[in-house]
Amino acid sequence: MSENGDEIISLLLPENSQKPKRKPGILEGEVKVVFAPDFKITEEEFLNPK
């Protein structure tokens, strides 16, 4: 319900309402990250680093 009590049925947005793509980080082209072929990490380790 809206503030005046009317029920909102639909919300229409223009096509260009998508968020713009994120700009690359400030270090793009300055650093390189390489993972070894046998690199492993669990979801728990990724989400909760020590």
PDB file of N, CA and C in Angstrom:
ATOM      1  N   MET A   1       0.839  -1.184   0.000  1.00  0.00           N
ATOM      2  CA  MET A   1       0.000   0.000   0.000  1.00  0.00           C
ATOM      3  C   MET A   1       0.884   1.247   0.000  1.00  0.00           C
ATOM      4  N   SER A   2       0.465   2.226  -0.711  1.00  0.00           N
ATOM      5  CA  SER A   2       1.201   3.484  -0.737  1.00  0.00           C
ATOM      6  C   SER A   2       0.790   4.329   0.467  1.00  0.00           C
ATOM      7  N   GLU A   3       1.406   5.495   0.597  1.00  0.00           N
ATOM      8  CA  GLU A   3       1.132   6.360   1.739  1.00  0.00           C
ATOM      9  C   GLU A   3      -0.331   6.802   1.785  1.00  0.00           C
ATOM     10  N   ASN A   4      -0.960   6.962   0.603  1.00  0.00           N
ATOM     11  CA  ASN A   4      -2.346   7.427   0.588  1.00  0.00           C
ATOM     12  C   ASN A   4      -3.344   6.274   0.615  1.00  0.00           C
ATOM     13  N   GLY A   5      -2.865   5.034   0.793  1.00  0.00           N
ATOM     14  CA  GLY A   5      -3.751   3.896   0.914  1.00  0.00           C
ATOM     15  C   GLY A   5      -4.020   3.153  -0.377  1.00  0.00           C
ATOM     16  N   ASP A   6      -3.553   3.657  -1.522  1.00  0.00           N
ATOM     17  CA  ASP A   6      -3.754   2.975  -2.795  1.00  0.00           C
ATOM     18  C   ASP A   6      -2.814   1.782  -2.888  1.00  0.00           C
ATOM     19  N   GLU A   7      -3.298   0.710  -3.500  1.00  0.00           N
ATOM     20  CA  GLU A   7      -2.465  -0.477  -3.684  1.00  0.00           C
ATOM     21  C   GLU A   7      -1.604  -0.295  -4.924  1.00  0.00           C
ATOM     22  N   ILE A   8      -0.306  -0.561  -4.798  1.00  0.00           N
ATOM     23  CA  ILE A   8       0.601  -0.467  -5.942  1.00  0.00           C
ATOM     24  C   ILE A   8       0.543  -1.788  -6.692  1.00  0.00           C
ATOM     25  N   ILE A   9       0.139  -1.745  -7.939  1.00  0.00           N
ATOM     26  CA  ILE A   9      -0.004  -2.945  -8.767  1.00  0.00           C
ATOM     27  C   ILE A   9       1.295  -3.214  -9.526  1.00  0.00           C
ATOM     28  N   SER A  10       1.930  -2.167 -10.033  1.00  0.00           N
ATOM     29  CA  SER A  10       3.100  -2.341 -10.880  1.00  0.00           C
ATOM     30  C   SER A  10       3.984  -1.111 -10.765  1.00  0.00           C
ATOM     31  N   LEU A  11       5.256  -1.315 -10.976  1.00  0.00           N
ATOM     32  CA  LEU A  11       6.213  -0.213 -10.985  1.00  0.00           C
ATOM     33  C   LEU A  11       6.986  -0.314 -12.284  1.00  0.00           C
ATOM     34  N   LEU A  12       6.803   0.644 -13.162  1.00  0.00           N
ATOM     35  CA  LEU A  12       7.438   0.624 -14.485  1.00  0.00           C
ATOM     36  C   LEU A  12       8.626   1.572 -14.484  1.00  0.00           C
ATOM     37  N   LEU A  13       9.753   1.059 -14.953  1.00  0.00           N
ATOM     38  CA  LEU A  13      10.981   1.850 -14.993  1.00  0.00           C
ATOM     39  C   LEU A  13      11.485   1.921 -16.422  1.00  0.00           C
ATOM     40  N   PRO A  14      12.175   2.984 -16.780  1.00  0.00           N
ATOM     41  CA  PRO A  14      12.748   3.065 -18.122  1.00  0.00           C
ATOM     42  C   PRO A  14      13.802   1.982 -18.327  1.00  0.00           C
ATOM     43  N   GLU A  15      14.037   1.616 -19.586  1.00  0.00           N
ATOM     44  CA  GLU A  15      15.001   0.559 -19.901  1.00  0.00           C
ATOM     45  C   GLU A  15      16.399   0.864 -19.389  1.00  0.00           C
ATOM     46  N   ASN A  16      16.792   2.110 -19.357  1.00  0.00           N
ATOM     47  CA  ASN A  16      18.148   2.473 -18.958  1.00  0.00           C
ATOM     48  C   ASN A  16      18.282   2.630 -17.445  1.00  0.00           C
ATOM     49  N   SER A  17      17.391   2.022 -16.665  1.00  0.00           N
ATOM     50  CA  SER A  17      17.454   2.161 -15.216  1.00  0.00           C
ATOM     51  C   SER A  17      18.469   1.213 -14.584  1.00  0.00           C
ATOM     52  N   GLN A  18      19.166   0.406 -15.412  1.00  0.00           N
ATOM     53  CA  GLN A  18      20.171  -0.508 -14.876  1.00  0.00           C
ATOM     54  C   GLN A  18      21.369   0.276 -14.362  1.00  0.00           C
ATOM     55  N   LYS A  19      22.001  -0.283 -13.338  1.00  0.00           N
ATOM     56  CA  LYS A  19      23.193   0.359 -12.799  1.00  0.00           C
ATOM     57  C   LYS A  19      24.292   0.333 -13.851  1.00  0.00           C
ATOM     58  N   PRO A  20      25.090   1.384 -13.942  1.00  0.00           N
ATOM     59  CA  PRO A  20      26.209   1.352 -14.889  1.00  0.00           C
ATOM     60  C   PRO A  20      27.242   0.329 -14.447  1.00  0.00           C
ATOM     61  N   LYS A  21      27.992  -0.205 -15.399  1.00  0.00           N
ATOM     62  CA  LYS A  21      29.029  -1.168 -15.049  1.00  0.00           C
ATOM     63  C   LYS A  21      30.068  -0.493 -14.171  1.00  0.00           C
ATOM     64  N   ARG A  22      30.620  -1.272 -13.257  1.00  0.00           N
ATOM     65  CA  ARG A  22      31.641  -0.727 -12.362  1.00  0.00           C
ATOM     66  C   ARG A  22      32.895  -0.410 -13.152  1.00  0.00           C
ATOM     67  N   LYS A  23      33.536   0.666 -12.768  1.00  0.00           N
ATOM     68  CA  LYS A  23      34.808   1.019 -13.390  1.00  0.00           C
ATOM     69  C   LYS A  23      35.883   0.087 -12.853  1.00  0.00           C
ATOM     70  N   PRO A  24      36.877  -0.221 -13.670  1.00  0.00           N
ATOM     71  CA  PRO A  24      37.981  -1.069 -13.193  1.00  0.00           C
ATOM     72  C   PRO A  24      38.695  -0.408 -12.018  1.00  0.00           C
ATOM     73  N   GLY A  25      39.297  -1.221 -11.205  1.00  0.00           N
ATOM     74  CA  GLY A  25      40.028  -0.706 -10.052  1.00  0.00           C
ATOM     75  C   GLY A  25      41.185   0.192 -10.458  1.00  0.00           C
ATOM     76  N   ILE A  26      41.657   0.963  -9.511  1.00  0.00           N
ATOM     77  CA  ILE A  26      42.726   1.918  -9.816  1.00  0.00           C
ATOM     78  C   ILE A  26      44.042   1.220 -10.134  1.00  0.00           C
ATOM     79  N   LEU A  27      44.160  -0.065  -9.788  1.00  0.00           N
ATOM     80  CA  LEU A  27      45.409  -0.778 -10.053  1.00  0.00           C
ATOM     81  C   LEU A  27      45.343  -1.615 -11.332  1.00  0.00           C
ATOM     82  N   GLU A  28      44.275  -1.484 -12.139  1.00  0.00           N
ATOM     83  CA  GLU A  28      44.181  -2.266 -13.362  1.00  0.00           C
ATOM     84  C   GLU A  28      45.393  -1.985 -14.248  1.00  0.00           C
ATOM     85  N   GLY A  29      46.013  -3.041 -14.693  1.00  0.00           N
ATOM     86  CA  GLY A  29      47.193  -2.909 -15.529  1.00  0.00           C
ATOM     87  C   GLY A  29      48.482  -2.758 -14.737  1.00  0.00           C
ATOM     88  N   GLU A  30      48.381  -2.537 -13.438  1.00  0.00           N
ATOM     89  CA  GLU A  30      49.557  -2.334 -12.594  1.00  0.00           C
ATOM     90  C   GLU A  30      49.945  -3.599 -11.838  1.00  0.00           C
ATOM     91  N   VAL A  31      48.976  -4.464 -11.604  1.00  0.00           N
ATOM     92  CA  VAL A  31      49.230  -5.685 -10.841  1.00  0.00           C
ATOM     93  C   VAL A  31      48.692  -6.884 -11.610  1.00  0.00           C
ATOM     94  N   LYS A  32      49.181  -8.053 -11.229  1.00  0.00           N
ATOM     95  CA  LYS A  32      48.726  -9.285 -11.855  1.00  0.00           C
ATOM     96  C   LYS A  32      48.554 -10.332 -10.767  1.00  0.00           C
ATOM     97  N   VAL A  33      47.424 -11.032 -10.801  1.00  0.00           N
ATOM     98  CA  VAL A  33      47.143 -12.084  -9.831  1.00  0.00           C
ATOM     99  C   VAL A  33      47.079 -13.398 -10.592  1.00  0.00           C
ATOM    100  N   VAL A  34      47.817 -14.391 -10.089  1.00  0.00           N
ATOM    101  CA  VAL A  34      47.848 -15.707 -10.730  1.00  0.00           C
ATOM    102  C   VAL A  34      47.567 -16.758  -9.665  1.00  0.00           C
ATOM    103  N   PHE A  35      46.644 -17.659  -9.948  1.00  0.00           N
ATOM    104  CA  PHE A  35      46.337 -18.754  -9.039  1.00  0.00           C
ATOM    105  C   PHE A  35      46.951 -20.030  -9.595  1.00  0.00           C
ATOM    106  N   ALA A  36      47.563 -20.807  -8.726  1.00  0.00           N
ATOM    107  CA  ALA A  36      48.141 -22.084  -9.127  1.00  0.00           C
ATOM    108  C   ALA A  36      47.025 -23.024  -9.571  1.00  0.00           C
ATOM    109  N   PRO A  37      47.317 -23.942 -10.493  1.00  0.00           N
ATOM    110  CA  PRO A  37      46.285 -24.864 -10.974  1.00  0.00           C
ATOM    111  C   PRO A  37      45.657 -25.702  -9.858  1.00  0.00           C
ATOM    112  N   ASP A  38      46.408 -25.967  -8.784  1.00  0.00           N
ATOM    113  CA  ASP A  38      45.871 -26.777  -7.691  1.00  0.00           C
ATOM    114  C   ASP A  38      45.351 -25.939  -6.521  1.00  0.00           C
ATOM    115  N   PHE A  39      45.120 -24.650  -6.747  1.00  0.00           N
ATOM    116  CA  PHE A  39      44.612 -23.763  -5.697  1.00  0.00           C
ATOM    117  C   PHE A  39      43.225 -24.213  -5.271  1.00  0.00           C
ATOM    118  N   LYS A  40      43.005 -24.306  -3.961  1.00  0.00           N
ATOM    119  CA  LYS A  40      41.706 -24.692  -3.428  1.00  0.00           C
ATOM    120  C   LYS A  40      41.374 -23.803  -2.237  1.00  0.00           C
ATOM    121  N   ILE A  41      40.113 -23.450  -2.126  1.00  0.00           N
ATOM    122  CA  ILE A  41      39.631 -22.702  -0.973  1.00  0.00           C
ATOM    123  C   ILE A  41      38.158 -23.066  -0.782  1.00  0.00           C
ATOM    124  N   THR A  42      37.759 -23.263   0.451  1.00  0.00           N
ATOM    125  CA  THR A  42      36.370 -23.594   0.726  1.00  0.00           C
ATOM    126  C   THR A  42      35.557 -22.305   0.772  1.00  0.00           C
ATOM    127  N   GLU A  43      34.267 -22.445   0.648  1.00  0.00           N
ATOM    128  CA  GLU A  43      33.386 -21.272   0.749  1.00  0.00           C
ATOM    129  C   GLU A  43      33.539 -20.626   2.126  1.00  0.00           C
ATOM    130  N   GLU A  44      33.656 -21.449   3.152  1.00  0.00           N
ATOM    131  CA  GLU A  44      33.828 -20.927   4.512  1.00  0.00           C
ATOM    132  C   GLU A  44      35.123 -20.123   4.631  1.00  0.00           C
ATOM    133  N   GLU A  45      36.217 -20.617   4.093  1.00  0.00           N
ATOM    134  CA  GLU A  45      37.498 -19.895   4.136  1.00  0.00           C
ATOM    135  C   GLU A  45      37.402 -18.580   3.355  1.00  0.00           C
ATOM    136  N   PHE A  46      36.698 -18.618   2.227  1.00  0.00           N
ATOM    137  CA  PHE A  46      36.565 -17.412   1.405  1.00  0.00           C
ATOM    138  C   PHE A  46      35.750 -16.338   2.121  1.00  0.00           C
ATOM    139  N   LEU A  47      34.662 -16.742   2.750  1.00  0.00           N
ATOM    140  CA  LEU A  47      33.778 -15.792   3.401  1.00  0.00           C
ATOM    141  C   LEU A  47      34.249 -15.335   4.770  1.00  0.00           C
ATOM    142  N   ASN A  48      35.068 -16.141   5.432  1.00  0.00           N
ATOM    143  CA  ASN A  48      35.531 -15.816   6.785  1.00  0.00           C
ATOM    144  C   ASN A  48      37.039 -15.995   6.893  1.00  0.00           C
ATOM    145  N   PRO A  49      37.810 -15.108   6.242  1.00  0.00           N
ATOM    146  CA  PRO A  49      39.276 -15.254   6.338  1.00  0.00           C
ATOM    147  C   PRO A  49      39.760 -15.054   7.763  1.00  0.00           C
ATOM    148  N   LYS A  50      40.850 -15.693   8.096  1.00  0.00           N
ATOM    149  CA  LYS A  50      41.402 -15.589   9.461  1.00  0.00           C
ATOM    150  C   LYS A  50      42.196 -14.344   9.641  1.00  0.00           C
TER     151      LYS A  50
END
